[in-house]
């Protein structure tokens, strides 16, 4: 008999995933951490029964949350990733020639343990010489590092459980303080179909702090509604001004310069939702 993971998305929608095998299952101090081998999507990191990343499409999310901001900044050297325990975002950030150090701050050591054992495709970044892995609460970590980073990536889970504070105004204030005078940051801001209220809330909060905010999207089959949003906030650099600049080459499977130009083009219903 097949094992089924039923993933709740909204009062009217749940998704059933056929599970070939449970590879890891531990209760941490923060959440239930599971690694599953899914019939369709391959191995997956699951937190509190919500899929975070699958091997079949992780490259889309991880490339888009890192390369878009890192190519918007003309010469990023110091990068902070909060969350991103699977290691995929750090893997991508370390590819940039100008980047000298990537601090990856993950609150849950069990996530690191699980991914190191079962997701080597992403957790390979843990051992990269540019990557400094820190097991600590990102909310506290960022308070202790003012004026430090060129780019900050908030690679969080949904705004429930340990990630709630990563969507709050106080946290965004600390992000602003942790960035250098020309710094910028990106956060994942949820599904454009099911979480428009979150996208607007995040965008409105960031507009109070940053002169430039931009929402962009990418299609990721694992996530609810497929079309996923990211919100960038910048002290100086506008991606609209960088679209004519041919970006340096990095090895990617999804991201390229045409994608960079296209991802900021928003459908009308998203634009209207941000007003």
C-alpha atoms as a PDB file:
ATOM      1  CA  UNK A   1       0.000   0.000   0.000  1.00  0.00           C
ATOM      2  CA  UNK A   2       1.364   3.459  -0.970  1.00  0.00           C
ATOM      3  CA  UNK A   3       2.025   6.113   1.638  1.00  0.00           C
ATOM      4  CA  UNK A   4       0.288   9.409   0.896  1.00  0.00           C
ATOM      5  CA  UNK A   5       1.383  12.814   2.176  1.00  0.00           C
ATOM      6  CA  UNK A   6      -1.647  15.097   2.133  1.00  0.00           C
ATOM      7  CA  UNK A   7      -0.424  18.694   2.038  1.00  0.00           C
ATOM      8  CA  UNK A   8      -2.982  21.318   3.075  1.00  0.00           C
ATOM      9  CA  UNK A   9      -2.817  24.567   1.091  1.00  0.00           C
ATOM     10  CA  UNK A  10      -6.123  26.316   1.758  1.00  0.00           C
ATOM     11  CA  UNK A  11      -9.650  25.496   2.975  1.00  0.00           C
ATOM     12  CA  UNK A  12     -10.494  24.373  -0.550  1.00  0.00           C
ATOM     13  CA  UNK A  13      -7.275  22.755  -1.702  1.00  0.00           C
ATOM     14  CA  UNK A  14      -4.987  19.966  -0.580  1.00  0.00           C
ATOM     15  CA  UNK A  15      -2.383  18.115  -2.638  1.00  0.00           C
ATOM     16  CA  UNK A  16      -1.655  14.412  -2.264  1.00  0.00           C
ATOM     17  CA  UNK A  17       1.903  13.204  -2.824  1.00  0.00           C
ATOM     18  CA  UNK A  18       2.689   9.526  -3.300  1.00  0.00           C
ATOM     19  CA  UNK A  19       5.627   8.589  -1.072  1.00  0.00           C
ATOM     20  CA  UNK A  20       7.951   5.794  -2.093  1.00  0.00           C
ATOM     21  CA  UNK A  21       9.930   5.787   1.142  1.00  0.00           C
ATOM     22  CA  UNK A  22      10.445   7.726   4.366  1.00  0.00           C
ATOM     23  CA  UNK A  23      14.196   8.340   4.598  1.00  0.00           C
ATOM     24  CA  UNK A  24      14.432  10.502   7.716  1.00  0.00           C
ATOM     25  CA  UNK A  25      12.013  11.598  10.412  1.00  0.00           C
ATOM     26  CA  UNK A  26      12.889  13.519  13.566  1.00  0.00           C
ATOM     27  CA  UNK A  27      11.164  15.980  15.850  1.00  0.00           C
ATOM     28  CA  UNK A  28      13.472  18.936  16.449  1.00  0.00           C
ATOM     29  CA  UNK A  29      13.075  21.701  19.014  1.00  0.00           C
ATOM     30  CA  UNK A  30      11.244  23.691  16.343  1.00  0.00           C
ATOM     31  CA  UNK A  31       9.399  21.372  13.953  1.00  0.00           C
ATOM     32  CA  UNK A  32       8.973  17.909  12.481  1.00  0.00           C
ATOM     33  CA  UNK A  33      11.819  17.332  10.023  1.00  0.00           C
ATOM     34  CA  UNK A  34      11.299  14.677   7.356  1.00  0.00           C
ATOM     35  CA  UNK A  35      13.028  13.570   4.186  1.00  0.00           C
ATOM     36  CA  UNK A  36      10.752  11.687   1.783  1.00  0.00           C
ATOM     37  CA  UNK A  37      11.379   9.971  -1.534  1.00  0.00           C
ATOM     38  CA  UNK A  38       8.384  11.069  -3.618  1.00  0.00           C
ATOM     39  CA  UNK A  39       7.075   9.112  -6.589  1.00  0.00           C
ATOM     40  CA  UNK A  40       7.049  12.102  -8.936  1.00  0.00           C
ATOM     41  CA  UNK A  41       9.449  14.690  -7.525  1.00  0.00           C
ATOM     42  CA  UNK A  42      12.268  12.634  -5.994  1.00  0.00           C
ATOM     43  CA  UNK A  43      13.711  13.263  -2.554  1.00  0.00           C
ATOM     44  CA  UNK A  44      12.128  16.130  -0.642  1.00  0.00           C
ATOM     45  CA  UNK A  45      12.652  18.107   2.548  1.00  0.00           C
ATOM     46  CA  UNK A  46       9.390  18.325   4.489  1.00  0.00           C
ATOM     47  CA  UNK A  47       8.842  20.507   7.576  1.00  0.00           C
ATOM     48  CA  UNK A  48       5.677  19.963   9.630  1.00  0.00           C
ATOM     49  CA  UNK A  49       4.153  18.078   6.679  1.00  0.00           C
ATOM     50  CA  UNK A  50       4.810  20.935   4.225  1.00  0.00           C
ATOM     51  CA  UNK A  51       7.208  20.301   1.355  1.00  0.00           C
ATOM     52  CA  UNK A  52      10.048  22.820   1.250  1.00  0.00           C
ATOM     53  CA  UNK A  53      12.143  21.589  -1.660  1.00  0.00           C
ATOM     54  CA  UNK A  54      12.238  18.627  -4.055  1.00  0.00           C
ATOM     55  CA  UNK A  55      15.119  17.457  -6.171  1.00  0.00           C
ATOM     56  CA  UNK A  56      13.096  17.688  -9.376  1.00  0.00           C
ATOM     57  CA  UNK A  57      12.655  21.468  -9.273  1.00  0.00           C
ATOM     58  CA  UNK A  58      14.819  22.842  -6.441  1.00  0.00           C
ATOM     59  CA  UNK A  59      17.101  24.498  -8.977  1.00  0.00           C
ATOM     60  CA  UNK A  60      14.341  26.892 -10.078  1.00  0.00           C
ATOM     61  CA  UNK A  61      13.711  28.291  -6.613  1.00  0.00           C
ATOM     62  CA  UNK A  62      17.336  28.330  -5.485  1.00  0.00           C
ATOM     63  CA  UNK A  63      18.614  29.987  -8.646  1.00  0.00           C
ATOM     64  CA  UNK A  64      15.906  32.629  -8.693  1.00  0.00           C
ATOM     65  CA  UNK A  65      16.203  33.630  -5.038  1.00  0.00           C
ATOM     66  CA  UNK A  66      19.982  34.085  -5.365  1.00  0.00           C
ATOM     67  CA  UNK A  67      21.044  35.046  -8.884  1.00  0.00           C
ATOM     68  CA  UNK A  68      18.431  37.757  -9.371  1.00  0.00           C
ATOM     69  CA  UNK A  69      19.610  39.833  -6.379  1.00  0.00           C
ATOM     70  CA  UNK A  70      23.274  38.946  -6.869  1.00  0.00           C
ATOM     71  CA  UNK A  71      23.194  40.135 -10.466  1.00  0.00           C
ATOM     72  CA  UNK A  72      21.250  43.260  -9.491  1.00  0.00           C
ATOM     73  CA  UNK A  73      24.080  44.294  -7.175  1.00  0.00           C
ATOM     74  CA  UNK A  74      27.090  45.161  -9.376  1.00  0.00           C
ATOM     75  CA  UNK A  75      29.764  43.715  -7.067  1.00  0.00           C
ATOM     76  CA  UNK A  76      28.444  41.706  -4.103  1.00  0.00           C
ATOM     77  CA  UNK A  77      31.127  40.404  -1.763  1.00  0.00           C
ATOM     78  CA  UNK A  78      29.412  39.518   1.518  1.00  0.00           C
ATOM     79  CA  UNK A  79      26.127  37.604   1.428  1.00  0.00           C
ATOM     80  CA  UNK A  80      23.824  36.449   4.219  1.00  0.00           C
ATOM     81  CA  UNK A  81      21.245  33.699   3.789  1.00  0.00           C
ATOM     82  CA  UNK A  82      18.725  33.285   6.594  1.00  0.00           C
ATOM     83  CA  UNK A  83      17.044  29.901   6.458  1.00  0.00           C
ATOM     84  CA  UNK A  84      17.840  27.877   3.374  1.00  0.00           C
ATOM     85  CA  UNK A  85      18.743  24.826   5.430  1.00  0.00           C
ATOM     86  CA  UNK A  86      18.762  22.551   2.385  1.00  0.00           C
ATOM     87  CA  UNK A  87      21.841  24.464   1.212  1.00  0.00           C
ATOM     88  CA  UNK A  88      20.685  25.167  -2.332  1.00  0.00           C
ATOM     89  CA  UNK A  89      20.704  28.958  -2.073  1.00  0.00           C
ATOM     90  CA  UNK A  90      24.211  28.936  -0.594  1.00  0.00           C
ATOM     91  CA  UNK A  91      25.335  26.604  -3.387  1.00  0.00           C
ATOM     92  CA  UNK A  92      24.174  29.138  -5.971  1.00  0.00           C
ATOM     93  CA  UNK A  93      25.504  32.226  -4.184  1.00  0.00           C
ATOM     94  CA  UNK A  94      28.979  30.707  -3.914  1.00  0.00           C
ATOM     95  CA  UNK A  95      29.176  30.490  -7.726  1.00  0.00           C
ATOM     96  CA  UNK A  96      29.590  34.250  -8.052  1.00  0.00           C
ATOM     97  CA  UNK A  97      33.174  35.317  -8.603  1.00  0.00           C
ATOM     98  CA  UNK A  98      32.833  38.577  -6.653  1.00  0.00           C
ATOM     99  CA  UNK A  99      31.333  36.855  -3.598  1.00  0.00           C
ATOM    100  CA  UNK A 100      33.956  36.269  -0.916  1.00  0.00           C
ATOM    101  CA  UNK A 101      31.792  34.921   1.926  1.00  0.00           C
ATOM    102  CA  UNK A 102      28.315  33.483   2.305  1.00  0.00           C
ATOM    103  CA  UNK A 103      27.019  33.348   5.869  1.00  0.00           C
ATOM    104  CA  UNK A 104      24.209  30.788   6.001  1.00  0.00           C
ATOM    105  CA  UNK A 105      22.177  31.068   9.211  1.00  0.00           C
ATOM    106  CA  UNK A 106      19.790  28.165   9.848  1.00  0.00           C
ATOM    107  CA  UNK A 107      17.900  27.871  13.124  1.00  0.00           C
ATOM    108  CA  UNK A 108      17.381  24.095  13.084  1.00  0.00           C
ATOM    109  CA  UNK A 109      20.367  21.760  13.280  1.00  0.00           C
ATOM    110  CA  UNK A 110      18.126  18.780  12.500  1.00  0.00           C
ATOM    111  CA  UNK A 111      17.470  20.261   9.037  1.00  0.00           C
ATOM    112  CA  UNK A 112      21.213  20.417   8.426  1.00  0.00           C
ATOM    113  CA  UNK A 113      21.630  16.843   9.653  1.00  0.00           C
ATOM    114  CA  UNK A 114      18.830  15.517   7.455  1.00  0.00           C
ATOM    115  CA  UNK A 115      19.935  17.330   4.307  1.00  0.00           C
ATOM    116  CA  UNK A 116      23.596  16.453   4.727  1.00  0.00           C
ATOM    117  CA  UNK A 117      22.646  12.777   4.827  1.00  0.00           C
ATOM    118  CA  UNK A 118      19.901  12.642   2.198  1.00  0.00           C
ATOM    119  CA  UNK A 119      20.153  15.753  -0.040  1.00  0.00           C
ATOM    120  CA  UNK A 120      23.825  15.977  -1.038  1.00  0.00           C
ATOM    121  CA  UNK A 121      22.809  17.739  -4.266  1.00  0.00           C
ATOM    122  CA  UNK A 122      21.959  20.860  -2.256  1.00  0.00           C
ATOM    123  CA  UNK A 123      23.849  20.368   1.008  1.00  0.00           C
ATOM    124  CA  UNK A 124      27.163  20.211  -0.887  1.00  0.00           C
ATOM    125  CA  UNK A 125      27.331  23.928  -0.114  1.00  0.00           C
ATOM    126  CA  UNK A 126      27.904  23.231   3.601  1.00  0.00           C
ATOM    127  CA  UNK A 127      31.513  22.341   2.827  1.00  0.00           C
ATOM    128  CA  UNK A 128      32.199  25.048   0.247  1.00  0.00           C
ATOM    129  CA  UNK A 129      35.144  27.253   1.293  1.00  0.00           C
ATOM    130  CA  UNK A 130      33.090  30.436   0.809  1.00  0.00           C
ATOM    131  CA  UNK A 131      30.212  29.217   2.984  1.00  0.00           C
ATOM    132  CA  UNK A 132      30.132  29.879   6.732  1.00  0.00           C
ATOM    133  CA  UNK A 133      27.383  27.723   8.249  1.00  0.00           C
ATOM    134  CA  UNK A 134      25.844  29.100  11.458  1.00  0.00           C
ATOM    135  CA  UNK A 135      23.227  27.247  13.522  1.00  0.00           C
ATOM    136  CA  UNK A 136      21.410  30.130  15.151  1.00  0.00           C
ATOM    137  CA  UNK A 137      18.155  32.075  15.202  1.00  0.00           C
ATOM    138  CA  UNK A 138      18.357  34.396  12.190  1.00  0.00           C
ATOM    139  CA  UNK A 139      16.287  37.044  13.966  1.00  0.00           C
ATOM    140  CA  UNK A 140      18.994  37.428  16.602  1.00  0.00           C
ATOM    141  CA  UNK A 141      21.901  36.910  14.205  1.00  0.00           C
ATOM    142  CA  UNK A 142      20.924  39.796  11.976  1.00  0.00           C
ATOM    143  CA  UNK A 143      20.644  42.169  14.958  1.00  0.00           C
ATOM    144  CA  UNK A 144      24.304  41.508  15.735  1.00  0.00           C
ATOM    145  CA  UNK A 145      25.626  42.409  12.255  1.00  0.00           C
ATOM    146  CA  UNK A 146      24.854  46.044  11.344  1.00  0.00           C
ATOM    147  CA  UNK A 147      26.249  47.464   8.081  1.00  0.00           C
ATOM    148  CA  UNK A 148      27.770  44.113   7.117  1.00  0.00           C
ATOM    149  CA  UNK A 149      26.173  42.653   3.988  1.00  0.00           C
ATOM    150  CA  UNK A 150      25.876  43.574   0.335  1.00  0.00           C
ATOM    151  CA  UNK A 151      23.026  41.121  -0.248  1.00  0.00           C
ATOM    152  CA  UNK A 152      20.719  39.351   2.199  1.00  0.00           C
ATOM    153  CA  UNK A 153      18.526  36.433   1.110  1.00  0.00           C
ATOM    154  CA  UNK A 154      15.611  35.418   3.340  1.00  0.00           C
ATOM    155  CA  UNK A 155      15.039  31.808   2.289  1.00  0.00           C
ATOM    156  CA  UNK A 156      12.340  31.050   4.820  1.00  0.00           C
ATOM    157  CA  UNK A 157       9.549  28.547   5.080  1.00  0.00           C
ATOM    158  CA  UNK A 158       5.924  29.743   5.161  1.00  0.00           C
ATOM    159  CA  UNK A 159       4.996  32.406   7.766  1.00  0.00           C
ATOM    160  CA  UNK A 160       4.032  29.846  10.389  1.00  0.00           C
ATOM    161  CA  UNK A 161       6.032  28.222  13.172  1.00  0.00           C
ATOM    162  CA  UNK A 162       9.669  29.366  13.477  1.00  0.00           C
ATOM    163  CA  UNK A 163       9.437  31.534  10.335  1.00  0.00           C
ATOM    164  CA  UNK A 164       6.698  33.883  11.566  1.00  0.00           C
ATOM    165  CA  UNK A 165       9.110  36.571  12.757  1.00  0.00           C
ATOM    166  CA  UNK A 166      10.865  36.615   9.369  1.00  0.00           C
ATOM    167  CA  UNK A 167       7.813  38.345   7.881  1.00  0.00           C
ATOM    168  CA  UNK A 168       7.512  41.111  10.475  1.00  0.00           C
ATOM    169  CA  UNK A 169       8.254  44.855  10.375  1.00  0.00           C
ATOM    170  CA  UNK A 170      10.805  44.647  13.218  1.00  0.00           C
ATOM    171  CA  UNK A 171      12.760  42.019  11.321  1.00  0.00           C
ATOM    172  CA  UNK A 172      12.761  44.107   8.148  1.00  0.00           C
ATOM    173  CA  UNK A 173      14.140  47.038  10.135  1.00  0.00           C
ATOM    174  CA  UNK A 174      17.022  44.852  11.272  1.00  0.00           C
ATOM    175  CA  UNK A 175      17.584  43.661   7.698  1.00  0.00           C
ATOM    176  CA  UNK A 176      17.852  47.292   6.616  1.00  0.00           C
ATOM    177  CA  UNK A 177      20.425  47.947   9.368  1.00  0.00           C
ATOM    178  CA  UNK A 178      22.459  44.853   8.452  1.00  0.00           C
ATOM    179  CA  UNK A 179      22.824  45.950   4.831  1.00  0.00           C
ATOM    180  CA  UNK A 180      25.602  48.236   3.661  1.00  0.00           C
ATOM    181  CA  UNK A 181      24.658  51.653   2.293  1.00  0.00           C
ATOM    182  CA  UNK A 182      24.098  50.211  -1.204  1.00  0.00           C
ATOM    183  CA  UNK A 183      22.788  46.815  -0.072  1.00  0.00           C
ATOM    184  CA  UNK A 184      19.690  44.951  -1.143  1.00  0.00           C
ATOM    185  CA  UNK A 185      17.755  41.904  -0.078  1.00  0.00           C
ATOM    186  CA  UNK A 186      15.243  39.375  -1.332  1.00  0.00           C
ATOM    187  CA  UNK A 187      12.665  37.242   0.441  1.00  0.00           C
ATOM    188  CA  UNK A 188      10.340  34.585  -0.845  1.00  0.00           C
ATOM    189  CA  UNK A 189       6.846  36.049  -0.562  1.00  0.00           C
ATOM    190  CA  UNK A 190       4.560  33.086  -1.255  1.00  0.00           C
ATOM    191  CA  UNK A 191       2.046  32.082  -3.930  1.00  0.00           C
ATOM    192  CA  UNK A 192       0.591  34.718  -6.235  1.00  0.00           C
ATOM    193  CA  UNK A 193      -2.715  32.820  -6.305  1.00  0.00           C
ATOM    194  CA  UNK A 194      -3.203  31.857  -2.667  1.00  0.00           C
ATOM    195  CA  UNK A 195      -1.218  34.457  -0.720  1.00  0.00           C
ATOM    196  CA  UNK A 196      -1.719  37.809  -2.414  1.00  0.00           C
ATOM    197  CA  UNK A 197      -2.386  39.375   0.980  1.00  0.00           C
ATOM    198  CA  UNK A 198       1.089  38.294   2.143  1.00  0.00           C
ATOM    199  CA  UNK A 199       2.770  39.682  -0.972  1.00  0.00           C
ATOM    200  CA  UNK A 200       1.050  43.039  -0.464  1.00  0.00           C
ATOM    201  CA  UNK A 201       1.813  43.084   3.262  1.00  0.00           C
ATOM    202  CA  UNK A 202       5.507  42.395   2.640  1.00  0.00           C
ATOM    203  CA  UNK A 203       5.720  44.932  -0.183  1.00  0.00           C
ATOM    204  CA  UNK A 204       3.966  47.638   1.830  1.00  0.00           C
ATOM    205  CA  UNK A 205       6.247  47.094   4.831  1.00  0.00           C
ATOM    206  CA  UNK A 206       9.387  47.266   2.710  1.00  0.00           C
ATOM    207  CA  UNK A 207       8.274  50.448   0.959  1.00  0.00           C
ATOM    208  CA  UNK A 208       8.452  52.169   4.341  1.00  0.00           C
ATOM    209  CA  UNK A 209      12.171  51.355   4.559  1.00  0.00           C
ATOM    210  CA  UNK A 210      13.604  51.108   1.039  1.00  0.00           C
ATOM    211  CA  UNK A 211      13.398  53.480  -1.934  1.00  0.00           C
ATOM    212  CA  UNK A 212      13.171  50.556  -4.385  1.00  0.00           C
ATOM    213  CA  UNK A 213      10.942  47.491  -4.060  1.00  0.00           C
ATOM    214  CA  UNK A 214      10.242  45.024  -6.857  1.00  0.00           C
ATOM    215  CA  UNK A 215       8.213  41.816  -6.987  1.00  0.00           C
ATOM    216  CA  UNK A 216       9.224  39.073  -9.401  1.00  0.00           C
ATOM    217  CA  UNK A 217       8.026  35.536 -10.092  1.00  0.00           C
ATOM    218  CA  UNK A 218       9.085  32.093 -11.238  1.00  0.00           C
ATOM    219  CA  UNK A 219       7.191  28.883 -11.903  1.00  0.00           C
ATOM    220  CA  UNK A 220       7.941  26.090  -9.429  1.00  0.00           C
ATOM    221  CA  UNK A 221       5.698  22.996  -9.668  1.00  0.00           C
ATOM    222  CA  UNK A 222       6.228  21.947  -6.042  1.00  0.00           C
ATOM    223  CA  UNK A 223       4.676  25.104  -4.591  1.00  0.00           C
ATOM    224  CA  UNK A 224       0.960  25.990  -4.323  1.00  0.00           C
ATOM    225  CA  UNK A 225      -0.350  27.482  -7.550  1.00  0.00           C
ATOM    226  CA  UNK A 226       3.027  26.907  -9.255  1.00  0.00           C
ATOM    227  CA  UNK A 227       3.684  30.650  -9.771  1.00  0.00           C
ATOM    228  CA  UNK A 228       5.818  31.788  -6.830  1.00  0.00           C
ATOM    229  CA  UNK A 229       6.701  35.324  -5.810  1.00  0.00           C
ATOM    230  CA  UNK A 230       9.859  36.972  -4.533  1.00  0.00           C
ATOM    231  CA  UNK A 231      10.156  40.515  -3.229  1.00  0.00           C
ATOM    232  CA  UNK A 232      13.350  42.541  -3.594  1.00  0.00           C
ATOM    233  CA  UNK A 233      14.098  45.684  -1.589  1.00  0.00           C
ATOM    234  CA  UNK A 234      17.120  47.807  -2.414  1.00  0.00           C
ATOM    235  CA  UNK A 235      18.812  50.901  -1.023  1.00  0.00           C
ATOM    236  CA  UNK A 236      20.321  51.899  -4.364  1.00  0.00           C
ATOM    237  CA  UNK A 237      20.201  49.462  -7.281  1.00  0.00           C
ATOM    238  CA  UNK A 238      17.045  49.017  -9.336  1.00  0.00           C
ATOM    239  CA  UNK A 239      16.820  45.819 -11.405  1.00  0.00           C
ATOM    240  CA  UNK A 240      15.056  47.843 -14.099  1.00  0.00           C
ATOM    241  CA  UNK A 241      18.316  49.742 -14.587  1.00  0.00           C
ATOM    242  CA  UNK A 242      20.334  46.523 -14.850  1.00  0.00           C
ATOM    243  CA  UNK A 243      18.365  44.834 -17.610  1.00  0.00           C
ATOM    244  CA  UNK A 244      20.593  46.145 -20.373  1.00  0.00           C
ATOM    245  CA  UNK A 245      23.723  44.846 -18.616  1.00  0.00           C
ATOM    246  CA  UNK A 246      24.780  41.386 -19.746  1.00  0.00           C
ATOM    247  CA  UNK A 247      25.385  39.454 -16.553  1.00  0.00           C
ATOM    248  CA  UNK A 248      28.459  37.351 -15.881  1.00  0.00           C
ATOM    249  CA  UNK A 249      28.123  33.688 -16.699  1.00  0.00           C
ATOM    250  CA  UNK A 250      27.390  31.146 -13.963  1.00  0.00           C
ATOM    251  CA  UNK A 251      26.404  27.546 -14.490  1.00  0.00           C
ATOM    252  CA  UNK A 252      22.634  27.283 -14.084  1.00  0.00           C
ATOM    253  CA  UNK A 253      19.719  25.117 -15.190  1.00  0.00           C
ATOM    254  CA  UNK A 254      16.926  27.709 -15.102  1.00  0.00           C
ATOM    255  CA  UNK A 255      18.294  31.218 -14.666  1.00  0.00           C
ATOM    256  CA  UNK A 256      19.700  33.251 -17.561  1.00  0.00           C
ATOM    257  CA  UNK A 257      19.781  36.898 -18.640  1.00  0.00           C
ATOM    258  CA  UNK A 258      16.474  36.636 -20.518  1.00  0.00           C
ATOM    259  CA  UNK A 259      14.835  35.204 -17.405  1.00  0.00           C
ATOM    260  CA  UNK A 260      16.225  38.127 -15.379  1.00  0.00           C
ATOM    261  CA  UNK A 261      14.585  40.596 -17.736  1.00  0.00           C
ATOM    262  CA  UNK A 262      11.305  38.700 -17.913  1.00  0.00           C
ATOM    263  CA  UNK A 263      10.737  37.783 -14.263  1.00  0.00           C
ATOM    264  CA  UNK A 264       9.866  41.353 -13.236  1.00  0.00           C
ATOM    265  CA  UNK A 265       7.032  41.543 -15.785  1.00  0.00           C
ATOM    266  CA  UNK A 266       3.903  41.067 -13.673  1.00  0.00           C
ATOM    267  CA  UNK A 267       0.377  40.114 -14.749  1.00  0.00           C
ATOM    268  CA  UNK A 268      -2.216  42.806 -14.189  1.00  0.00           C
ATOM    269  CA  UNK A 269      -3.919  41.014 -11.317  1.00  0.00           C
ATOM    270  CA  UNK A 270      -0.663  41.013  -9.339  1.00  0.00           C
ATOM    271  CA  UNK A 271      -0.040  44.694 -10.074  1.00  0.00           C
ATOM    272  CA  UNK A 272      -3.571  45.521  -8.957  1.00  0.00           C
ATOM    273  CA  UNK A 273      -3.093  43.489  -5.788  1.00  0.00           C
ATOM    274  CA  UNK A 274      -0.034  45.562  -4.887  1.00  0.00           C
ATOM    275  CA  UNK A 275      -1.864  48.892  -5.196  1.00  0.00           C
END
